[in-house]
N, C-alpha and C. Protein backbone atom coordinates (compact mmCIF):
# COMPACT_ATOMS: atom_id res chain seq x y z
N MET A 1 -9.14 18.87 -9.65
CA MET A 1 -8.20 18.10 -10.45
C MET A 1 -7.09 17.51 -9.58
N CYS A 2 -6.76 18.13 -8.49
CA CYS A 2 -5.67 17.66 -7.64
C CYS A 2 -6.12 16.57 -6.67
N ASN A 3 -7.35 16.14 -6.80
CA ASN A 3 -7.89 15.15 -5.89
C ASN A 3 -7.08 13.85 -5.96
N GLY A 4 -6.46 13.49 -4.87
CA GLY A 4 -5.75 12.23 -4.78
C GLY A 4 -4.32 12.24 -5.25
N TYR A 5 -3.83 13.33 -5.83
CA TYR A 5 -2.47 13.35 -6.34
C TYR A 5 -1.44 13.20 -5.23
N PHE A 6 -1.64 13.91 -4.14
CA PHE A 6 -0.68 13.82 -3.04
C PHE A 6 -0.65 12.40 -2.47
N GLY A 7 -1.81 11.80 -2.35
CA GLY A 7 -1.88 10.41 -1.86
C GLY A 7 -1.15 9.45 -2.78
N LYS A 8 -1.37 9.58 -4.08
CA LYS A 8 -0.69 8.71 -5.05
C LYS A 8 0.82 8.92 -4.99
N PHE A 9 1.22 10.17 -4.99
CA PHE A 9 2.65 10.49 -4.95
C PHE A 9 3.29 9.93 -3.68
N SER A 10 2.67 10.18 -2.54
CA SER A 10 3.22 9.72 -1.26
C SER A 10 3.29 8.21 -1.20
N LEU A 11 2.25 7.56 -1.71
CA LEU A 11 2.20 6.10 -1.67
C LEU A 11 3.35 5.48 -2.45
N ILE A 12 3.53 5.89 -3.70
CA ILE A 12 4.58 5.27 -4.51
C ILE A 12 5.96 5.72 -4.04
N ASP A 13 6.09 6.97 -3.62
CA ASP A 13 7.38 7.45 -3.13
C ASP A 13 7.81 6.66 -1.89
N SER A 14 6.89 6.47 -0.97
CA SER A 14 7.20 5.72 0.25
C SER A 14 7.59 4.28 -0.07
N HIS A 15 6.82 3.63 -0.92
CA HIS A 15 7.10 2.23 -1.25
C HIS A 15 8.41 2.08 -2.02
N TYR A 16 8.65 2.98 -2.95
CA TYR A 16 9.88 2.92 -3.74
C TYR A 16 11.10 3.11 -2.84
N ARG A 17 11.05 4.12 -1.97
CA ARG A 17 12.17 4.37 -1.05
C ARG A 17 12.35 3.22 -0.07
N THR A 18 11.25 2.69 0.44
CA THR A 18 11.33 1.57 1.38
C THR A 18 12.00 0.37 0.73
N LEU A 19 11.59 0.05 -0.48
CA LEU A 19 12.19 -1.08 -1.19
C LEU A 19 13.66 -0.84 -1.45
N LYS A 20 14.04 0.38 -1.85
CA LYS A 20 15.44 0.70 -2.12
C LYS A 20 16.30 0.62 -0.85
N VAL A 21 15.78 1.11 0.27
CA VAL A 21 16.57 1.17 1.50
C VAL A 21 16.49 -0.12 2.31
N TRP A 22 15.29 -0.67 2.49
CA TRP A 22 15.11 -1.80 3.40
C TRP A 22 14.80 -3.11 2.70
N GLY A 23 14.53 -3.09 1.42
CA GLY A 23 14.16 -4.32 0.74
C GLY A 23 12.70 -4.66 1.02
N GLU A 24 12.34 -5.87 0.67
CA GLU A 24 10.94 -6.29 0.84
C GLU A 24 10.73 -6.82 2.26
N GLN A 25 10.19 -5.99 3.09
CA GLN A 25 9.92 -6.33 4.48
C GLN A 25 8.76 -5.49 4.97
N ASN A 26 8.25 -5.77 6.15
CA ASN A 26 7.08 -5.06 6.66
C ASN A 26 7.36 -4.24 7.90
N ARG A 27 8.59 -4.15 8.33
CA ARG A 27 8.85 -3.47 9.59
C ARG A 27 9.06 -1.97 9.44
N TYR A 28 9.85 -1.56 8.49
CA TYR A 28 10.19 -0.15 8.34
C TYR A 28 9.52 0.43 7.10
N ALA A 29 9.18 1.70 7.20
CA ALA A 29 8.60 2.41 6.06
C ALA A 29 9.30 3.75 5.94
N MET A 30 9.73 4.05 4.74
CA MET A 30 10.33 5.35 4.47
C MET A 30 9.19 6.31 4.13
N ALA A 31 8.87 7.18 5.06
CA ALA A 31 7.79 8.15 4.83
C ALA A 31 8.26 9.28 3.93
N SER A 32 9.54 9.56 3.95
CA SER A 32 10.15 10.58 3.09
C SER A 32 11.65 10.29 3.04
N VAL A 33 12.39 11.18 2.44
CA VAL A 33 13.84 11.00 2.37
C VAL A 33 14.45 10.96 3.77
N MET A 34 13.89 11.71 4.69
CA MET A 34 14.48 11.84 6.02
C MET A 34 13.69 11.17 7.14
N ILE A 35 12.52 10.63 6.85
CA ILE A 35 11.69 10.06 7.90
C ILE A 35 11.47 8.59 7.65
N CYS A 36 11.89 7.78 8.60
CA CYS A 36 11.68 6.34 8.56
C CYS A 36 10.83 5.97 9.77
N VAL A 37 9.83 5.14 9.56
CA VAL A 37 8.92 4.74 10.63
C VAL A 37 9.13 3.26 10.92
N ASP A 38 9.28 2.94 12.21
CA ASP A 38 9.35 1.55 12.65
C ASP A 38 7.93 1.13 12.97
N LEU A 39 7.34 0.33 12.10
CA LEU A 39 5.94 -0.06 12.24
C LEU A 39 5.71 -1.05 13.38
N GLU A 40 6.77 -1.63 13.89
CA GLU A 40 6.64 -2.58 15.00
C GLU A 40 6.68 -1.89 16.36
N ARG A 41 7.05 -0.63 16.41
CA ARG A 41 7.20 0.08 17.68
C ARG A 41 5.94 0.84 18.06
N THR A 42 4.87 0.13 18.22
CA THR A 42 3.62 0.78 18.62
C THR A 42 3.60 1.11 20.10
N ASP A 43 4.57 0.61 20.82
CA ASP A 43 4.61 0.82 22.27
C ASP A 43 5.13 2.20 22.66
N LEU A 44 5.63 2.97 21.72
CA LEU A 44 6.25 4.25 22.05
C LEU A 44 5.31 5.22 22.74
N ARG A 45 4.04 5.19 22.38
CA ARG A 45 3.11 6.16 22.94
C ARG A 45 1.87 5.47 23.51
N LEU A 46 1.96 4.20 23.81
CA LEU A 46 0.79 3.47 24.26
C LEU A 46 0.23 3.96 25.59
N GLU A 47 1.10 4.41 26.47
CA GLU A 47 0.63 4.84 27.78
C GLU A 47 -0.05 6.20 27.73
N GLU A 48 0.29 6.97 26.71
CA GLU A 48 -0.26 8.32 26.61
C GLU A 48 -1.68 8.26 26.07
N GLU A 49 -2.53 9.03 26.66
CA GLU A 49 -3.86 9.22 26.10
C GLU A 49 -4.17 10.69 26.27
N LYS A 50 -4.29 11.36 25.18
CA LYS A 50 -4.47 12.80 25.21
C LYS A 50 -5.75 13.15 24.47
N GLU A 51 -6.61 13.83 25.14
CA GLU A 51 -7.86 14.30 24.55
C GLU A 51 -8.62 13.18 23.86
N GLY A 52 -8.70 12.03 24.48
CA GLY A 52 -9.49 10.93 23.96
C GLY A 52 -8.85 10.13 22.84
N VAL A 53 -7.59 10.42 22.49
CA VAL A 53 -6.91 9.68 21.43
C VAL A 53 -6.37 8.39 22.02
N HIS A 54 -6.76 7.29 21.44
CA HIS A 54 -6.27 5.99 21.87
C HIS A 54 -5.13 5.59 20.93
N TRP A 55 -3.91 5.86 21.38
CA TRP A 55 -2.74 5.67 20.53
C TRP A 55 -2.58 4.24 20.07
N LYS A 56 -2.84 3.28 20.95
CA LYS A 56 -2.66 1.88 20.57
C LYS A 56 -3.56 1.53 19.39
N SER A 57 -4.80 1.92 19.44
CA SER A 57 -5.72 1.65 18.33
C SER A 57 -5.28 2.36 17.06
N LEU A 58 -4.83 3.59 17.21
CA LEU A 58 -4.37 4.35 16.06
C LEU A 58 -3.18 3.67 15.40
N PHE A 59 -2.17 3.30 16.19
CA PHE A 59 -0.98 2.65 15.64
C PHE A 59 -1.30 1.28 15.05
N GLU A 60 -2.18 0.54 15.69
CA GLU A 60 -2.56 -0.77 15.15
C GLU A 60 -3.29 -0.62 13.81
N SER A 61 -4.13 0.40 13.70
CA SER A 61 -4.81 0.68 12.43
C SER A 61 -3.81 1.08 11.35
N MET A 62 -2.84 1.93 11.74
CA MET A 62 -1.82 2.35 10.79
C MET A 62 -1.00 1.15 10.31
N ARG A 63 -0.65 0.27 11.24
CA ARG A 63 0.13 -0.90 10.86
C ARG A 63 -0.67 -1.82 9.93
N ALA A 64 -1.93 -2.04 10.24
CA ALA A 64 -2.76 -2.88 9.39
C ALA A 64 -2.89 -2.27 7.98
N TYR A 65 -3.10 -0.96 7.93
CA TYR A 65 -3.21 -0.27 6.66
C TYR A 65 -1.92 -0.40 5.86
N SER A 66 -0.79 -0.11 6.52
CA SER A 66 0.49 -0.17 5.80
C SER A 66 0.81 -1.60 5.36
N ASN A 67 0.47 -2.59 6.16
CA ASN A 67 0.71 -3.98 5.77
C ASN A 67 -0.10 -4.35 4.53
N ARG A 68 -1.35 -3.88 4.45
CA ARG A 68 -2.16 -4.13 3.25
C ARG A 68 -1.54 -3.46 2.03
N GLN A 69 -1.07 -2.22 2.23
CA GLN A 69 -0.46 -1.49 1.12
C GLN A 69 0.81 -2.20 0.65
N TYR A 70 1.64 -2.61 1.61
CA TYR A 70 2.88 -3.31 1.25
C TYR A 70 2.58 -4.62 0.52
N ALA A 71 1.57 -5.33 0.98
CA ALA A 71 1.23 -6.60 0.36
C ALA A 71 0.81 -6.41 -1.10
N LEU A 72 0.19 -5.28 -1.40
CA LEU A 72 -0.24 -5.03 -2.77
C LEU A 72 0.87 -4.45 -3.65
N ILE A 73 1.59 -3.49 -3.13
CA ILE A 73 2.52 -2.72 -3.96
C ILE A 73 3.92 -3.32 -4.03
N LEU A 74 4.50 -3.71 -2.90
CA LEU A 74 5.90 -4.12 -2.90
C LEU A 74 6.22 -5.29 -3.84
N PRO A 75 5.41 -6.35 -3.90
CA PRO A 75 5.75 -7.42 -4.84
C PRO A 75 5.77 -6.94 -6.30
N ILE A 76 4.83 -6.10 -6.66
CA ILE A 76 4.80 -5.58 -8.04
C ILE A 76 6.01 -4.69 -8.28
N LEU A 77 6.30 -3.83 -7.31
CA LEU A 77 7.44 -2.92 -7.44
C LEU A 77 8.75 -3.71 -7.52
N LYS A 78 8.87 -4.74 -6.71
CA LYS A 78 10.08 -5.56 -6.71
C LYS A 78 10.24 -6.30 -8.04
N ASN A 79 9.17 -6.90 -8.53
CA ASN A 79 9.23 -7.65 -9.79
C ASN A 79 9.50 -6.73 -10.98
N ALA A 80 8.99 -5.51 -10.92
CA ALA A 80 9.20 -4.57 -12.02
C ALA A 80 10.65 -4.10 -12.09
N ALA A 81 11.31 -4.04 -10.93
CA ALA A 81 12.71 -3.61 -10.86
C ALA A 81 12.94 -2.33 -11.66
N ILE A 82 12.13 -1.32 -11.37
CA ILE A 82 12.23 -0.09 -12.14
C ILE A 82 13.46 0.72 -11.74
N THR A 83 13.96 1.45 -12.70
CA THR A 83 15.10 2.33 -12.47
C THR A 83 14.59 3.67 -11.92
N THR A 84 15.50 4.52 -11.53
CA THR A 84 15.12 5.84 -11.02
C THR A 84 14.41 6.65 -12.10
N LYS A 85 14.89 6.58 -13.33
CA LYS A 85 14.22 7.31 -14.42
C LYS A 85 12.82 6.78 -14.67
N GLU A 86 12.66 5.46 -14.59
CA GLU A 86 11.33 4.88 -14.76
C GLU A 86 10.42 5.28 -13.60
N PHE A 87 10.98 5.39 -12.41
CA PHE A 87 10.22 5.86 -11.25
C PHE A 87 9.71 7.28 -11.49
N HIS A 88 10.56 8.13 -12.01
CA HIS A 88 10.15 9.50 -12.31
C HIS A 88 9.07 9.53 -13.40
N ALA A 89 9.20 8.66 -14.38
CA ALA A 89 8.17 8.56 -15.42
C ALA A 89 6.85 8.08 -14.83
N LEU A 90 6.94 7.12 -13.92
CA LEU A 90 5.73 6.62 -13.25
C LEU A 90 5.04 7.75 -12.47
N LEU A 91 5.82 8.56 -11.77
CA LEU A 91 5.24 9.70 -11.05
C LEU A 91 4.52 10.63 -12.02
N ALA A 92 5.16 10.92 -13.15
CA ALA A 92 4.54 11.81 -14.14
C ALA A 92 3.25 11.20 -14.69
N LEU A 93 3.28 9.90 -14.98
CA LEU A 93 2.08 9.24 -15.50
C LEU A 93 0.96 9.24 -14.47
N LEU A 94 1.30 9.04 -13.21
CA LEU A 94 0.29 9.09 -12.15
C LEU A 94 -0.35 10.46 -12.07
N LEU A 95 0.46 11.49 -12.21
CA LEU A 95 -0.06 12.85 -12.12
C LEU A 95 -0.88 13.23 -13.36
N CYS A 96 -0.70 12.48 -14.45
CA CYS A 96 -1.47 12.75 -15.67
C CYS A 96 -2.79 11.99 -15.71
N GLU A 97 -3.04 11.18 -14.71
CA GLU A 97 -4.30 10.45 -14.67
C GLU A 97 -5.44 11.42 -14.40
N ILE A 98 -6.45 11.38 -15.24
CA ILE A 98 -7.59 12.28 -15.09
C ILE A 98 -8.77 11.47 -14.58
N ASP A 99 -9.32 11.91 -13.47
CA ASP A 99 -10.51 11.28 -12.91
C ASP A 99 -11.71 11.68 -13.77
N ALA A 100 -12.58 10.73 -14.02
CA ALA A 100 -13.76 11.01 -14.83
C ALA A 100 -14.62 12.10 -14.20
N ALA A 101 -14.55 12.24 -12.88
CA ALA A 101 -15.35 13.25 -12.18
C ALA A 101 -14.77 14.65 -12.35
N ASP A 102 -13.51 14.75 -12.76
CA ASP A 102 -12.89 16.06 -12.95
C ASP A 102 -13.49 16.74 -14.17
N GLU A 103 -13.87 17.96 -13.99
CA GLU A 103 -14.39 18.74 -15.11
C GLU A 103 -13.30 19.68 -15.58
N LEU A 104 -12.62 19.26 -16.63
CA LEU A 104 -11.49 20.03 -17.14
C LEU A 104 -11.85 20.64 -18.49
N SER A 105 -11.23 21.74 -18.77
CA SER A 105 -11.42 22.36 -20.08
C SER A 105 -10.74 21.50 -21.14
N ASP A 106 -11.12 21.72 -22.36
CA ASP A 106 -10.49 20.98 -23.47
C ASP A 106 -9.00 21.27 -23.54
N LEU A 107 -8.62 22.52 -23.24
CA LEU A 107 -7.21 22.90 -23.26
C LEU A 107 -6.43 22.14 -22.18
N ALA A 108 -6.99 22.06 -20.97
CA ALA A 108 -6.31 21.34 -19.88
C ALA A 108 -6.19 19.86 -20.21
N THR A 109 -7.25 19.28 -20.73
CA THR A 109 -7.22 17.86 -21.09
C THR A 109 -6.20 17.58 -22.18
N SER A 110 -6.16 18.43 -23.20
CA SER A 110 -5.19 18.21 -24.28
C SER A 110 -3.76 18.43 -23.80
N THR A 111 -3.56 19.38 -22.88
CA THR A 111 -2.22 19.61 -22.31
C THR A 111 -1.76 18.40 -21.53
N ILE A 112 -2.64 17.84 -20.71
CA ILE A 112 -2.30 16.65 -19.93
C ILE A 112 -2.02 15.47 -20.85
N ASP A 113 -2.82 15.31 -21.89
CA ASP A 113 -2.58 14.23 -22.86
C ASP A 113 -1.23 14.40 -23.57
N GLU A 114 -0.88 15.63 -23.88
CA GLU A 114 0.41 15.91 -24.53
C GLU A 114 1.57 15.58 -23.60
N ILE A 115 1.44 15.95 -22.33
CA ILE A 115 2.49 15.63 -21.34
C ILE A 115 2.65 14.13 -21.21
N LYS A 116 1.52 13.43 -21.12
CA LYS A 116 1.56 11.97 -21.00
C LYS A 116 2.24 11.34 -22.22
N GLU A 117 1.89 11.83 -23.40
CA GLU A 117 2.50 11.32 -24.64
C GLU A 117 4.01 11.58 -24.64
N ASN A 118 4.43 12.77 -24.21
CA ASN A 118 5.86 13.09 -24.14
C ASN A 118 6.58 12.19 -23.17
N VAL A 119 5.98 11.92 -22.01
CA VAL A 119 6.58 11.04 -21.02
C VAL A 119 6.76 9.64 -21.60
N LEU A 120 5.72 9.14 -22.27
CA LEU A 120 5.80 7.80 -22.85
C LEU A 120 6.85 7.74 -23.97
N ASP A 121 6.94 8.80 -24.77
CA ASP A 121 7.97 8.85 -25.82
C ASP A 121 9.38 8.84 -25.21
N GLU A 122 9.58 9.69 -24.20
CA GLU A 122 10.89 9.75 -23.52
C GLU A 122 11.22 8.42 -22.85
N LEU A 123 10.22 7.80 -22.28
CA LEU A 123 10.42 6.50 -21.63
C LEU A 123 10.83 5.44 -22.64
N GLN A 124 10.19 5.45 -23.79
CA GLN A 124 10.55 4.49 -24.83
C GLN A 124 11.98 4.72 -25.31
N ILE A 125 12.36 5.96 -25.50
CA ILE A 125 13.73 6.27 -25.92
C ILE A 125 14.72 5.80 -24.86
N TYR A 126 14.41 6.07 -23.60
CA TYR A 126 15.29 5.64 -22.50
C TYR A 126 15.44 4.13 -22.48
N CYS A 127 14.31 3.42 -22.57
CA CYS A 127 14.36 1.95 -22.50
C CYS A 127 15.09 1.33 -23.69
N THR A 128 14.85 1.86 -24.88
CA THR A 128 15.47 1.25 -26.06
C THR A 128 16.91 1.68 -26.24
N GLU A 129 17.21 2.95 -26.03
CA GLU A 129 18.57 3.43 -26.29
C GLU A 129 19.50 3.28 -25.10
N GLU A 130 19.05 3.65 -23.91
CA GLU A 130 19.94 3.60 -22.75
C GLU A 130 19.96 2.23 -22.06
N MET A 131 18.81 1.55 -22.05
CA MET A 131 18.76 0.25 -21.39
C MET A 131 18.97 -0.90 -22.37
N GLY A 132 18.85 -0.61 -23.67
CA GLY A 132 19.05 -1.63 -24.70
C GLY A 132 17.92 -2.64 -24.79
N ILE A 133 16.73 -2.25 -24.38
CA ILE A 133 15.57 -3.15 -24.42
C ILE A 133 14.90 -3.02 -25.78
N ILE A 134 14.75 -4.15 -26.44
CA ILE A 134 14.12 -4.15 -27.76
C ILE A 134 12.60 -4.10 -27.63
N ASN A 135 12.05 -4.92 -26.74
CA ASN A 135 10.61 -4.97 -26.54
C ASN A 135 10.21 -4.08 -25.38
N PHE A 136 9.84 -2.86 -25.68
CA PHE A 136 9.47 -1.85 -24.69
C PHE A 136 8.15 -2.18 -23.98
N SER A 137 7.32 -2.99 -24.60
CA SER A 137 5.97 -3.24 -24.08
C SER A 137 5.99 -3.90 -22.70
N THR A 138 6.96 -4.74 -22.42
CA THR A 138 7.03 -5.40 -21.12
C THR A 138 7.31 -4.38 -20.01
N ARG A 139 8.26 -3.49 -20.24
CA ARG A 139 8.57 -2.45 -19.25
C ARG A 139 7.37 -1.53 -19.05
N LEU A 140 6.74 -1.15 -20.15
CA LEU A 140 5.57 -0.28 -20.06
C LEU A 140 4.44 -1.00 -19.33
N GLY A 141 4.28 -2.27 -19.59
CA GLY A 141 3.25 -3.06 -18.90
C GLY A 141 3.50 -3.09 -17.39
N ASN A 142 4.78 -3.23 -16.99
CA ASN A 142 5.11 -3.21 -15.56
C ASN A 142 4.74 -1.87 -14.93
N LEU A 143 5.06 -0.79 -15.61
CA LEU A 143 4.74 0.55 -15.08
C LEU A 143 3.23 0.78 -15.02
N MET A 144 2.52 0.31 -16.03
CA MET A 144 1.06 0.49 -16.03
C MET A 144 0.40 -0.38 -14.95
N THR A 145 0.97 -1.55 -14.67
CA THR A 145 0.47 -2.39 -13.58
C THR A 145 0.68 -1.69 -12.25
N LEU A 146 1.86 -1.11 -12.08
CA LEU A 146 2.13 -0.32 -10.87
C LEU A 146 1.19 0.87 -10.77
N ASN A 147 1.00 1.55 -11.86
CA ASN A 147 0.11 2.70 -11.91
C ASN A 147 -1.29 2.29 -11.44
N HIS A 148 -1.79 1.18 -11.96
CA HIS A 148 -3.12 0.70 -11.58
C HIS A 148 -3.17 0.31 -10.10
N ALA A 149 -2.15 -0.39 -9.63
CA ALA A 149 -2.12 -0.81 -8.22
C ALA A 149 -2.09 0.40 -7.28
N ILE A 150 -1.37 1.42 -7.66
CA ILE A 150 -1.29 2.63 -6.84
C ILE A 150 -2.63 3.33 -6.82
N ARG A 151 -3.28 3.42 -7.96
CA ARG A 151 -4.61 4.04 -8.00
C ARG A 151 -5.59 3.24 -7.16
N GLU A 152 -5.48 1.92 -7.21
CA GLU A 152 -6.35 1.05 -6.41
C GLU A 152 -6.12 1.28 -4.92
N CYS A 153 -4.85 1.28 -4.51
CA CYS A 153 -4.52 1.52 -3.11
C CYS A 153 -4.96 2.91 -2.66
N ASN A 154 -4.80 3.88 -3.51
CA ASN A 154 -5.21 5.24 -3.18
C ASN A 154 -6.71 5.32 -2.98
N SER A 155 -7.46 4.59 -3.76
CA SER A 155 -8.91 4.62 -3.61
C SER A 155 -9.36 3.88 -2.35
N LEU A 156 -8.55 2.91 -1.90
CA LEU A 156 -8.89 2.21 -0.66
C LEU A 156 -8.70 3.13 0.52
């Protein structure tokens, strides 16, 4: 059941933090609250070759991968302009995604469905009461688009 959850969480967390700290750009990536990666500095370990590891190829692959991820996620994330609470709701919704290959008990499935329903209810209350949004469907659509894009990137 935990298949891919860490990847999904890390992907959206990194992109959300990167957008908040650096804006829409391709040079820096926030890997965590305390770790920022300069994607342009592939020269840091180029001369080193240890046990057959070709650092230049590795860093170039990492940069290409991150650039593809940024190209897919950052524009959607920027256009959605989600708040911190919506970000937390998105994380919860991502964690409630059940893969068809997962064999879960009826109790586990119903518990996950209940959590997802509670998150959506709380999100609607937040959007309508705290943000003053009358049409909640647009905000929910933005979050579901992000959810889908993250799942797509995670599967890549």
